[in-house]
PDB file of all heavy atoms in Angstrom:
ATOM      1  N   ILE A   1       9.826  -4.963 -16.284  1.00  0.00           N
ATOM      2  CA  ILE A   1       9.922  -5.074 -14.817  1.00  0.00           C
ATOM      3  C   ILE A   1       9.694  -3.556 -14.337  1.00  0.00           C
ATOM      4  O   ILE A   1       8.962  -3.312 -13.341  1.00  0.00           O
ATOM      5  CB  ILE A   1      11.369  -5.511 -14.437  1.00  0.00           C
ATOM      6  CG1 ILE A   1      11.356  -7.091 -14.598  1.00  0.00           C
ATOM      7  CG2 ILE A   1      11.464  -5.124 -12.872  1.00  0.00           C
ATOM      8  CD1 ILE A   1      12.725  -7.577 -14.278  1.00  0.00           C
ATOM      9  N   LEU A   2      10.297  -2.545 -15.021  1.00  0.00           N
ATOM     10  CA  LEU A   2      10.170  -1.185 -14.561  1.00  0.00           C
ATOM     11  C   LEU A   2       8.674  -0.747 -14.781  1.00  0.00           C
ATOM     12  O   LEU A   2       8.160  -0.073 -13.903  1.00  0.00           O
ATOM     13  CB  LEU A   2      11.094  -0.264 -15.352  1.00  0.00           C
ATOM     14  CG  LEU A   2      12.575  -0.296 -14.875  1.00  0.00           C
ATOM     15  CD1 LEU A   2      13.380   0.514 -15.844  1.00  0.00           C
ATOM     16  CD2 LEU A   2      12.639   0.129 -13.482  1.00  0.00           C
ATOM     17  N   GLU A   3       8.074  -1.216 -15.745  1.00  0.00           N
ATOM     18  CA  GLU A   3       6.679  -0.856 -16.014  1.00  0.00           C
ATOM     19  C   GLU A   3       5.760  -1.548 -14.931  1.00  0.00           C
ATOM     20  O   GLU A   3       4.780  -0.868 -14.463  1.00  0.00           O
ATOM     21  CB  GLU A   3       6.161  -1.270 -17.341  1.00  0.00           C
ATOM     22  CG  GLU A   3       6.874  -0.452 -18.523  1.00  0.00           C
ATOM     23  CD  GLU A   3       6.450  -0.892 -19.838  1.00  0.00           C
ATOM     24  OE1 GLU A   3       5.765  -1.895 -20.002  1.00  0.00           O
ATOM     25  OE2 GLU A   3       6.712  -0.181 -20.932  1.00  0.00           O
ATOM     26  N   THR A   4       6.113  -2.776 -14.552  1.00  0.00           N
ATOM     27  CA  THR A   4       5.418  -3.385 -13.471  1.00  0.00           C
ATOM     28  C   THR A   4       5.571  -2.577 -12.138  1.00  0.00           C
ATOM     29  O   THR A   4       4.691  -2.310 -11.359  1.00  0.00           O
ATOM     30  CB  THR A   4       5.973  -4.837 -13.199  1.00  0.00           C
ATOM     31  OG1 THR A   4       5.721  -5.533 -14.496  1.00  0.00           O
ATOM     32  CG2 THR A   4       5.035  -5.553 -12.079  1.00  0.00           C
ATOM     33  N   TYR A   5       6.854  -2.135 -11.888  1.00  0.00           N
ATOM     34  CA  TYR A   5       7.145  -1.352 -10.807  1.00  0.00           C
ATOM     35  C   TYR A   5       6.380  -0.011 -10.864  1.00  0.00           C
ATOM     36  O   TYR A   5       5.860   0.515  -9.774  1.00  0.00           O
ATOM     37  CB  TYR A   5       8.686  -1.034 -10.785  1.00  0.00           C
ATOM     38  CG  TYR A   5       9.187  -0.041  -9.770  1.00  0.00           C
ATOM     39  CD1 TYR A   5       9.537  -0.504  -8.475  1.00  0.00           C
ATOM     40  CD2 TYR A   5       9.286   1.243 -10.007  1.00  0.00           C
ATOM     41  CE1 TYR A   5      10.001   0.407  -7.527  1.00  0.00           C
ATOM     42  CE2 TYR A   5       9.775   2.148  -9.083  1.00  0.00           C
ATOM     43  CZ  TYR A   5      10.139   1.704  -7.826  1.00  0.00           C
ATOM     44  OH  TYR A   5      10.744   2.633  -7.020  1.00  0.00           O
ATOM     45  N   ARG A   6       6.234   0.515 -12.092  1.00  0.00           N
ATOM     46  CA  ARG A   6       5.507   1.842 -12.220  1.00  0.00           C
ATOM     47  C   ARG A   6       3.977   1.644 -11.817  1.00  0.00           C
ATOM     48  O   ARG A   6       3.462   2.459 -11.251  1.00  0.00           O
ATOM     49  CB  ARG A   6       5.597   2.327 -13.631  1.00  0.00           C
ATOM     50  CG  ARG A   6       4.721   3.457 -14.042  1.00  0.00           C
ATOM     51  CD  ARG A   6       5.101   4.696 -13.230  1.00  0.00           C
ATOM     52  NE  ARG A   6       4.474   5.904 -13.741  1.00  0.00           N
ATOM     53  CZ  ARG A   6       3.230   6.176 -13.485  1.00  0.00           C
ATOM     54  NH1 ARG A   6       2.638   5.481 -12.590  1.00  0.00           N
ATOM     55  NH2 ARG A   6       2.610   7.296 -13.949  1.00  0.00           N
ATOM     56  N   MET A   7       3.514   0.373 -12.158  1.00  0.00           N
ATOM     57  CA  MET A   7       2.165   0.135 -11.823  1.00  0.00           C
ATOM     58  C   MET A   7       1.911   0.072 -10.253  1.00  0.00           C
ATOM     59  O   MET A   7       0.880   0.394  -9.792  1.00  0.00           O
ATOM     60  CB  MET A   7       1.689  -1.182 -12.418  1.00  0.00           C
ATOM     61  CG  MET A   7       1.529  -1.110 -13.937  1.00  0.00           C
ATOM     62  SD  MET A   7       1.356  -2.750 -14.710  1.00  0.00           S
ATOM     63  CE  MET A   7      -0.055  -3.389 -13.815  1.00  0.00           C
ATOM     64  N   PHE A   8       2.922  -0.477  -9.620  1.00  0.00           N
ATOM     65  CA  PHE A   8       2.855  -0.538  -8.147  1.00  0.00           C
ATOM     66  C   PHE A   8       2.705   0.983  -7.605  1.00  0.00           C
ATOM     67  O   PHE A   8       2.001   1.115  -6.507  1.00  0.00           O
ATOM     68  CB  PHE A   8       4.166  -1.080  -7.505  1.00  0.00           C
ATOM     69  CG  PHE A   8       4.334  -2.524  -7.642  1.00  0.00           C
ATOM     70  CD1 PHE A   8       5.582  -3.215  -7.480  1.00  0.00           C
ATOM     71  CD2 PHE A   8       3.188  -3.365  -7.850  1.00  0.00           C
ATOM     72  CE1 PHE A   8       5.664  -4.496  -7.646  1.00  0.00           C
ATOM     73  CE2 PHE A   8       3.326  -4.721  -8.086  1.00  0.00           C
ATOM     74  CZ  PHE A   8       4.546  -5.269  -7.949  1.00  0.00           C
ATOM     75  N   ALA A   9       3.340   1.819  -8.235  1.00  0.00           N
ATOM     76  CA  ALA A   9       3.220   3.228  -7.743  1.00  0.00           C
ATOM     77  C   ALA A   9       1.863   3.777  -7.896  1.00  0.00           C
ATOM     78  O   ALA A   9       1.550   4.915  -7.209  1.00  0.00           O
ATOM     79  CB  ALA A   9       4.259   4.073  -8.569  1.00  0.00           C
ATOM     80  N   GLU A  10       0.941   3.215  -8.579  1.00  0.00           N
ATOM     81  CA  GLU A  10      -0.251   3.689  -8.682  1.00  0.00           C
ATOM     82  C   GLU A  10      -1.421   2.734  -7.902  1.00  0.00           C
ATOM     83  O   GLU A  10      -2.590   2.861  -8.095  1.00  0.00           O
ATOM     84  CB  GLU A  10      -0.743   3.699 -10.258  1.00  0.00           C
ATOM     85  CG  GLU A  10      -0.040   4.758 -11.003  1.00  0.00           C
ATOM     86  CD  GLU A  10      -0.488   4.791 -12.470  1.00  0.00           C
ATOM     87  OE1 GLU A  10      -0.982   3.725 -12.961  1.00  0.00           O
ATOM     88  OE2 GLU A  10      -0.446   5.866 -13.047  1.00  0.00           O
ATOM     89  N   ASP A  11      -0.792   1.854  -7.094  1.00  0.00           N
ATOM     90  CA  ASP A  11      -1.598   1.023  -6.271  1.00  0.00           C
ATOM     91  C   ASP A  11      -2.594   1.638  -5.347  1.00  0.00           C
ATOM     92  O   ASP A  11      -2.214   2.478  -4.544  1.00  0.00           O
ATOM     93  CB  ASP A  11      -0.808   0.027  -5.466  1.00  0.00           C
ATOM     94  CG  ASP A  11      -1.565  -1.035  -4.735  1.00  0.00           C
ATOM     95  OD1 ASP A  11      -1.873  -2.055  -5.334  1.00  0.00           O
ATOM     96  OD2 ASP A  11      -1.949  -0.808  -3.551  1.00  0.00           O
ATOM     97  N   ARG A  12      -3.853   1.539  -5.633  1.00  0.00           N
ATOM     98  CA  ARG A  12      -4.850   2.495  -4.928  1.00  0.00           C
ATOM     99  C   ARG A  12      -4.922   2.030  -3.519  1.00  0.00           C
ATOM    100  O   ARG A  12      -5.093   2.962  -2.663  1.00  0.00           O
ATOM    101  CB  ARG A  12      -6.257   2.252  -5.629  1.00  0.00           C
ATOM    102  CG  ARG A  12      -6.397   2.801  -6.983  1.00  0.00           C
ATOM    103  CD  ARG A  12      -7.701   2.694  -7.513  1.00  0.00           C
ATOM    104  NE  ARG A  12      -7.854   3.323  -8.859  1.00  0.00           N
ATOM    105  CZ  ARG A  12      -8.980   3.415  -9.514  1.00  0.00           C
ATOM    106  NH1 ARG A  12     -10.215   2.876  -9.019  1.00  0.00           N
ATOM    107  NH2 ARG A  12      -9.140   3.918 -10.766  1.00  0.00           N
ATOM    108  N   GLY A  13      -4.782   0.816  -3.110  1.00  0.00           N
ATOM    109  CA  GLY A  13      -4.908   0.436  -1.765  1.00  0.00           C
ATOM    110  C   GLY A  13      -3.716   1.111  -0.938  1.00  0.00           C
ATOM    111  O   GLY A  13      -3.918   1.593   0.147  1.00  0.00           O
ATOM    112  N   TRP A  14      -2.537   1.048  -1.470  1.00  0.00           N
ATOM    113  CA  TRP A  14      -1.353   1.638  -0.844  1.00  0.00           C
ATOM    114  C   TRP A  14      -1.535   3.153  -0.618  1.00  0.00           C
ATOM    115  O   TRP A  14      -1.298   3.652   0.457  1.00  0.00           O
ATOM    116  CB  TRP A  14      -0.162   1.256  -1.695  1.00  0.00           C
ATOM    117  CG  TRP A  14       1.139   1.844  -1.167  1.00  0.00           C
ATOM    118  CD1 TRP A  14       1.848   1.486   0.020  1.00  0.00           C
ATOM    119  CD2 TRP A  14       2.038   2.759  -1.851  1.00  0.00           C
ATOM    120  NE1 TRP A  14       2.999   2.239   0.073  1.00  0.00           N
ATOM    121  CE2 TRP A  14       3.087   2.945  -0.963  1.00  0.00           C
ATOM    122  CE3 TRP A  14       2.090   3.506  -3.060  1.00  0.00           C
ATOM    123  CZ2 TRP A  14       4.206   3.767  -1.302  1.00  0.00           C
ATOM    124  CZ3 TRP A  14       2.983   4.295  -3.336  1.00  0.00           C
ATOM    125  CH2 TRP A  14       4.120   4.541  -2.527  1.00  0.00           C
ATOM    126  N   LEU A  15      -1.953   3.812  -1.762  1.00  0.00           N
ATOM    127  CA  LEU A  15      -1.989   5.266  -1.696  1.00  0.00           C
ATOM    128  C   LEU A  15      -3.186   5.668  -0.803  1.00  0.00           C
ATOM    129  O   LEU A  15      -3.218   6.746  -0.027  1.00  0.00           O
ATOM    130  CB  LEU A  15      -2.335   5.875  -3.020  1.00  0.00           C
ATOM    131  CG  LEU A  15      -1.166   5.670  -4.068  1.00  0.00           C
ATOM    132  CD1 LEU A  15      -1.607   6.192  -5.381  1.00  0.00           C
ATOM    133  CD2 LEU A  15       0.170   6.410  -3.609  1.00  0.00           C
ATOM    134  N   SER A  16      -4.404   4.903  -0.812  1.00  0.00           N
ATOM    135  CA  SER A  16      -5.444   5.119   0.146  1.00  0.00           C
ATOM    136  C   SER A  16      -5.147   5.095   1.599  1.00  0.00           C
ATOM    137  O   SER A  16      -5.614   5.867   2.403  1.00  0.00           O
ATOM    138  CB  SER A  16      -6.659   4.404  -0.242  1.00  0.00           C
ATOM    139  OG  SER A  16      -6.418   3.000   0.030  1.00  0.00           O
ATOM    140  N   ARG A  17      -4.382   4.086   1.894  1.00  0.00           N
ATOM    141  CA  ARG A  17      -3.856   3.924   3.313  1.00  0.00           C
ATOM    142  C   ARG A  17      -3.074   5.106   3.873  1.00  0.00           C
ATOM    143  O   ARG A  17      -3.268   5.591   4.995  1.00  0.00           O
ATOM    144  CB  ARG A  17      -3.132   2.690   3.520  1.00  0.00           C
ATOM    145  CG  ARG A  17      -3.956   1.323   3.552  1.00  0.00           C
ATOM    146  CD  ARG A  17      -3.319   0.106   4.015  1.00  0.00           C
ATOM    147  NE  ARG A  17      -2.094  -0.214   3.228  1.00  0.00           N
ATOM    148  CZ  ARG A  17      -2.208  -1.012   2.190  1.00  0.00           C
ATOM    149  NH1 ARG A  17      -3.288  -1.488   1.759  1.00  0.00           N
ATOM    150  NH2 ARG A  17      -1.223  -1.366   1.447  1.00  0.00           N
ATOM    151  N   ILE A  18      -2.346   5.689   2.894  1.00  0.00           N
ATOM    152  CA  ILE A  18      -1.550   6.858   3.270  1.00  0.00           C
ATOM    153  C   ILE A  18      -2.387   8.102   3.474  1.00  0.00           C
ATOM    154  O   ILE A  18      -2.306   8.885   4.335  1.00  0.00           O
ATOM    155  CB  ILE A  18      -0.429   7.153   2.217  1.00  0.00           C
ATOM    156  CG1 ILE A  18       0.530   6.092   2.159  1.00  0.00           C
ATOM    157  CG2 ILE A  18       0.295   8.480   2.469  1.00  0.00           C
ATOM    158  CD1 ILE A  18       1.569   6.079   1.007  1.00  0.00           C
ATOM    159  N   HIS A  19      -3.471   8.232   2.536  1.00  0.00           N
ATOM    160  CA  HIS A  19      -4.313   9.325   2.671  1.00  0.00           C
ATOM    161  C   HIS A  19      -5.115   9.258   4.004  1.00  0.00           C
ATOM    162  O   HIS A  19      -5.358  10.124   4.708  1.00  0.00           O
ATOM    163  CB  HIS A  19      -5.403   9.289   1.530  1.00  0.00           C
ATOM    164  CG  HIS A  19      -4.915  10.071   0.297  1.00  0.00           C
ATOM    165  ND1 HIS A  19      -4.747  11.281   0.325  1.00  0.00           N
ATOM    166  CD2 HIS A  19      -4.631   9.601  -1.050  1.00  0.00           C
ATOM    167  CE1 HIS A  19      -4.372  11.643  -0.944  1.00  0.00           C
ATOM    168  NE2 HIS A  19      -4.259  10.620  -1.750  1.00  0.00           N
ATOM    169  N   GLU A  20      -5.551   7.912   4.424  1.00  0.00           N
ATOM    170  CA  GLU A  20      -6.195   7.831   5.678  1.00  0.00           C
ATOM    171  C   GLU A  20      -5.321   8.129   6.812  1.00  0.00           C
ATOM    172  O   GLU A  20      -5.860   8.840   7.889  1.00  0.00           O
ATOM    173  CB  GLU A  20      -6.726   6.273   5.849  1.00  0.00           C
ATOM    174  CG  GLU A  20      -7.768   5.936   4.770  1.00  0.00           C
ATOM    175  CD  GLU A  20      -7.969   4.410   4.833  1.00  0.00           C
ATOM    176  OE1 GLU A  20      -7.322   3.673   5.574  1.00  0.00           O
ATOM    177  OE2 GLU A  20      -8.938   3.815   4.049  1.00  0.00           O
ATOM    178  N   ALA A  21      -3.995   7.892   6.767  1.00  0.00           N
ATOM    179  CA  ALA A  21      -3.123   8.201   7.772  1.00  0.00           C
ATOM    180  C   ALA A  21      -2.993   9.703   7.986  1.00  0.00           C
ATOM    181  O   ALA A  21      -2.886  10.373   9.100  1.00  0.00           O
ATOM    182  CB  ALA A  21      -1.778   7.661   7.656  1.00  0.00           C
ATOM    183  N   ILE A  22      -3.050  10.495   6.889  1.00  0.00           N
ATOM    184  CA  ILE A  22      -2.992  11.975   6.802  1.00  0.00           C
ATOM    185  C   ILE A  22      -4.226  12.610   7.341  1.00  0.00           C
ATOM    186  O   ILE A  22      -4.133  13.492   8.208  1.00  0.00           O
ATOM    187  CB  ILE A  22      -2.768  12.485   5.332  1.00  0.00           C
ATOM    188  CG1 ILE A  22      -1.349  12.097   4.835  1.00  0.00           C
ATOM    189  CG2 ILE A  22      -2.992  13.934   5.239  1.00  0.00           C
ATOM    190  CD1 ILE A  22      -1.100  12.408   3.341  1.00  0.00           C
ATOM    191  N   ASP A  23      -5.414  11.894   7.125  1.00  0.00           N
ATOM    192  CA  ASP A  23      -6.649  12.406   7.629  1.00  0.00           C
ATOM    193  C   ASP A  23      -6.661  12.348   9.243  1.00  0.00           C
ATOM    194  O   ASP A  23      -7.346  13.059   9.857  1.00  0.00           O
ATOM    195  CB  ASP A  23      -7.813  11.479   7.204  1.00  0.00           C
ATOM    196  CG  ASP A  23      -8.039  11.901   5.626  1.00  0.00           C
ATOM    197  OD1 ASP A  23      -7.561  12.902   5.177  1.00  0.00           O
ATOM    198  OD2 ASP A  23      -8.663  11.082   4.909  1.00  0.00           O
ATOM    199  N   THR A  24      -5.794  11.309   9.840  1.00  0.00           N
ATOM    200  CA  THR A  24      -5.904  11.330  11.227  1.00  0.00           C
ATOM    201  C   THR A  24      -5.088  12.373  11.974  1.00  0.00           C
ATOM    202  O   THR A  24      -4.992  12.481  13.169  1.00  0.00           O
ATOM    203  CB  THR A  24      -5.248   9.910  11.737  1.00  0.00           C
ATOM    204  OG1 THR A  24      -3.869   9.855  11.342  1.00  0.00           O
ATOM    205  CG2 THR A  24      -5.924   8.772  11.099  1.00  0.00           C
ATOM    206  N   GLY A  25      -4.316  13.223  11.117  1.00  0.00           N
ATOM    207  CA  GLY A  25      -3.586  14.374  11.655  1.00  0.00           C
ATOM    208  C   GLY A  25      -2.098  14.185  11.524  1.00  0.00           C
ATOM    209  O   GLY A  25      -1.202  15.020  12.042  1.00  0.00           O
ATOM    210  N   LEU A  26      -1.591  13.141  10.911  1.00  0.00           N
ATOM    211  CA  LEU A  26      -0.223  12.953  10.574  1.00  0.00           C
ATOM    212  C   LEU A  26       0.326  13.812   9.520  1.00  0.00           C
ATOM    213  O   LEU A  26      -0.419  14.196   8.647  1.00  0.00           O
ATOM    214  CB  LEU A  26       0.128  11.503  10.246  1.00  0.00           C
ATOM    215  CG  LEU A  26      -0.076  10.412  11.330  1.00  0.00           C
ATOM    216  CD1 LEU A  26       0.318   9.067  10.867  1.00  0.00           C
ATOM    217  CD2 LEU A  26       0.717  10.836  12.617  1.00  0.00           C
ATOM    218  N   SER A  27       1.606  14.161   9.548  1.00  0.00           N
ATOM    219  CA  SER A  27       2.143  14.818   8.431  1.00  0.00           C
ATOM    220  C   SER A  27       2.277  13.976   7.206  1.00  0.00           C
ATOM    221  O   SER A  27       2.102  12.639   7.361  1.00  0.00           O
ATOM    222  CB  SER A  27       3.564  15.413   8.747  1.00  0.00           C
ATOM    223  OG  SER A  27       4.482  14.298   8.913  1.00  0.00           O
ATOM    224  N   ALA A  28       2.454  14.427   5.954  1.00  0.00           N
ATOM    225  CA  ALA A  28       2.541  13.564   4.883  1.00  0.00           C
ATOM    226  C   ALA A  28       3.609  12.576   5.026  1.00  0.00           C
ATOM    227  O   ALA A  28       3.567  11.326   4.694  1.00  0.00           O
ATOM    228  CB  ALA A  28       2.704  14.400   3.657  1.00  0.00           C
ATOM    229  N   GLU A  29       4.814  13.068   5.530  1.00  0.00           N
ATOM    230  CA  GLU A  29       5.963  12.092   5.698  1.00  0.00           C
ATOM    231  C   GLU A  29       5.645  11.052   6.738  1.00  0.00           C
ATOM    232  O   GLU A  29       6.027   9.921   6.551  1.00  0.00           O
ATOM    233  CB  GLU A  29       7.170  12.986   6.120  1.00  0.00           C
ATOM    234  CG  GLU A  29       7.813  13.908   5.167  1.00  0.00           C
ATOM    235  CD  GLU A  29       7.184  15.288   5.132  1.00  0.00           C
ATOM    236  OE1 GLU A  29       6.032  15.468   5.736  1.00  0.00           O
ATOM    237  OE2 GLU A  29       7.703  16.200   4.466  1.00  0.00           O
ATOM    238  N   ALA A  30       5.188  11.436   7.757  1.00  0.00           N
ATOM    239  CA  ALA A  30       4.808  10.453   8.902  1.00  0.00           C
ATOM    240  C   ALA A  30       3.694   9.463   8.392  1.00  0.00           C
ATOM    241  O   ALA A  30       3.927   8.219   8.740  1.00  0.00           O
ATOM    242  CB  ALA A  30       4.290  11.111  10.106  1.00  0.00           C
ATOM    243  N   ALA A  31       2.761   9.848   7.601  1.00  0.00           N
ATOM    244  CA  ALA A  31       1.811   8.949   7.033  1.00  0.00           C
ATOM    245  C   ALA A  31       2.508   7.903   6.128  1.00  0.00           C
ATOM    246  O   ALA A  31       2.239   6.725   6.202  1.00  0.00           O
ATOM    247  CB  ALA A  31       0.757   9.659   6.251  1.00  0.00           C
ATOM    248  N   VAL A  32       3.463   8.433   5.248  1.00  0.00           N
ATOM    249  CA  VAL A  32       4.103   7.458   4.416  1.00  0.00           C
ATOM    250  C   VAL A  32       4.875   6.522   5.222  1.00  0.00           C
ATOM    251  O   VAL A  32       4.918   5.226   4.976  1.00  0.00           O
ATOM    252  CB  VAL A  32       4.973   8.215   3.353  1.00  0.00           C
ATOM    253  CG1 VAL A  32       5.893   7.290   2.569  1.00  0.00           C
ATOM    254  CG2 VAL A  32       4.302   9.032   2.355  1.00  0.00           C
ATOM    255  N   GLN A  33       5.582   6.895   6.204  1.00  0.00           N
ATOM    256  CA  GLN A  33       6.534   6.076   6.923  1.00  0.00           C
ATOM    257  C   GLN A  33       5.630   5.109   7.795  1.00  0.00           C
ATOM    258  O   GLN A  33       6.018   3.962   7.996  1.00  0.00           O
ATOM    259  CB  GLN A  33       7.452   6.920   7.880  1.00  0.00           C
ATOM    260  CG  GLN A  33       8.377   6.182   8.733  1.00  0.00           C
ATOM    261  CD  GLN A  33       9.395   7.009   9.507  1.00  0.00           C
ATOM    262  OE1 GLN A  33       9.140   7.122  10.699  1.00  0.00           O
ATOM    263  NE2 GLN A  33      10.289   7.631   8.894  1.00  0.00           N
ATOM    264  N   ARG A  34       4.503   5.532   8.253  1.00  0.00           N
ATOM    265  CA  ARG A  34       3.675   4.600   9.169  1.00  0.00           C
ATOM    266  C   ARG A  34       3.134   3.532   8.267  1.00  0.00           C
ATOM    267  O   ARG A  34       3.239   2.381   8.635  1.00  0.00           O
ATOM    268  CB  ARG A  34       2.483   5.513   9.646  1.00  0.00           C
ATOM    269  CG  ARG A  34       1.559   4.554  10.406  1.00  0.00           C
ATOM    270  CD  ARG A  34       0.566   5.303  11.130  1.00  0.00           C
ATOM    271  NE  ARG A  34      -0.469   4.306  11.800  1.00  0.00           N
ATOM    272  CZ  ARG A  34      -1.310   4.741  12.803  1.00  0.00           C
ATOM    273  NH1 ARG A  34      -1.377   6.072  13.022  1.00  0.00           N
ATOM    274  NH2 ARG A  34      -2.125   3.833  13.292  1.00  0.00           N
ATOM    275  N   VAL A  35       2.707   3.801   7.118  1.00  0.00           N
ATOM    276  CA  VAL A  35       2.105   2.705   6.154  1.00  0.00           C
ATOM    277  C   VAL A  35       3.302   1.803   5.744  1.00  0.00           C
ATOM    278  O   VAL A  35       3.238   0.560   5.742  1.00  0.00           O
ATOM    279  CB  VAL A  35       1.485   3.304   4.932  1.00  0.00           C
ATOM    280  CG1 VAL A  35       1.111   2.192   3.920  1.00  0.00           C
ATOM    281  CG2 VAL A  35       0.161   3.977   5.285  1.00  0.00           C
ATOM    282  N   GLN A  36       4.469   2.384   5.558  1.00  0.00           N
ATOM    283  CA  GLN A  36       5.611   1.632   5.251  1.00  0.00           C
ATOM    284  C   GLN A  36       6.031   0.644   6.256  1.00  0.00           C
ATOM    285  O   GLN A  36       6.258  -0.588   6.125  1.00  0.00           O
ATOM    286  CB  GLN A  36       6.885   2.568   4.837  1.00  0.00           C
ATOM    287  CG  GLN A  36       8.158   1.878   4.463  1.00  0.00           C
ATOM    288  CD  GLN A  36       9.279   2.833   4.252  1.00  0.00           C
ATOM    289  OE1 GLN A  36       9.131   3.982   4.786  1.00  0.00           O
ATOM    290  NE2 GLN A  36      10.282   2.525   3.456  1.00  0.00           N
ATOM    291  N   ASN A  37       6.073   1.183   7.510  1.00  0.00           N
ATOM    292  CA  ASN A  37       6.407   0.270   8.616  1.00  0.00           C
ATOM    293  C   ASN A  37       5.372  -0.774   8.936  1.00  0.00           C
ATOM    294  O   ASN A  37       5.789  -1.909   9.157  1.00  0.00           O
ATOM    295  CB  ASN A  37       6.524   1.201  10.034  1.00  0.00           C
ATOM    296  CG  ASN A  37       7.800   1.898   9.999  1.00  0.00           C
ATOM    297  OD1 ASN A  37       8.790   1.557   9.367  1.00  0.00           O
ATOM    298  ND2 ASN A  37       7.843   3.037  10.683  1.00  0.00           N
ATOM    299  N   ASP A  38       4.153  -0.427   8.873  1.00  0.00           N
ATOM    300  CA  ASP A  38       3.064  -1.350   9.000  1.00  0.00           C
ATOM    301  C   ASP A  38       3.161  -2.626   7.823  1.00  0.00           C
ATOM    302  O   ASP A  38       3.069  -3.771   8.260  1.00  0.00           O
ATOM    303  CB  ASP A  38       1.768  -0.740   8.835  1.00  0.00           C
ATOM    304  CG  ASP A  38       0.752  -1.723   9.179  1.00  0.00           C
ATOM    305  OD1 ASP A  38       0.636  -2.323  10.341  1.00  0.00           O
ATOM    306  OD2 ASP A  38      -0.168  -1.969   8.232  1.00  0.00           O
ATOM    307  N   MET A  39       3.373  -2.179   6.687  1.00  0.00           N
ATOM    308  CA  MET A  39       3.523  -3.205   5.612  1.00  0.00           C
ATOM    309  C   MET A  39       4.823  -4.031   5.825  1.00  0.00           C
ATOM    310  O   MET A  39       4.750  -5.257   5.633  1.00  0.00           O
ATOM    311  CB  MET A  39       3.582  -2.468   4.192  1.00  0.00           C
ATOM    312  CG  MET A  39       3.671  -3.520   3.095  1.00  0.00           C
ATOM    313  SD  MET A  39       3.651  -2.663   1.413  1.00  0.00           S
ATOM    314  CE  MET A  39       1.831  -2.040   1.401  1.00  0.00           C
TER     315      MET A  39
END
């Protein structure tokens, strides 16, 4: 289960959405929170 969870941490779609939010001018924390709230 932990290894499956570890795989989630490398989910490209999730990480790329955060990168896109950073590119719009958000701080790294705000980008993470925005994607988290949206999901």
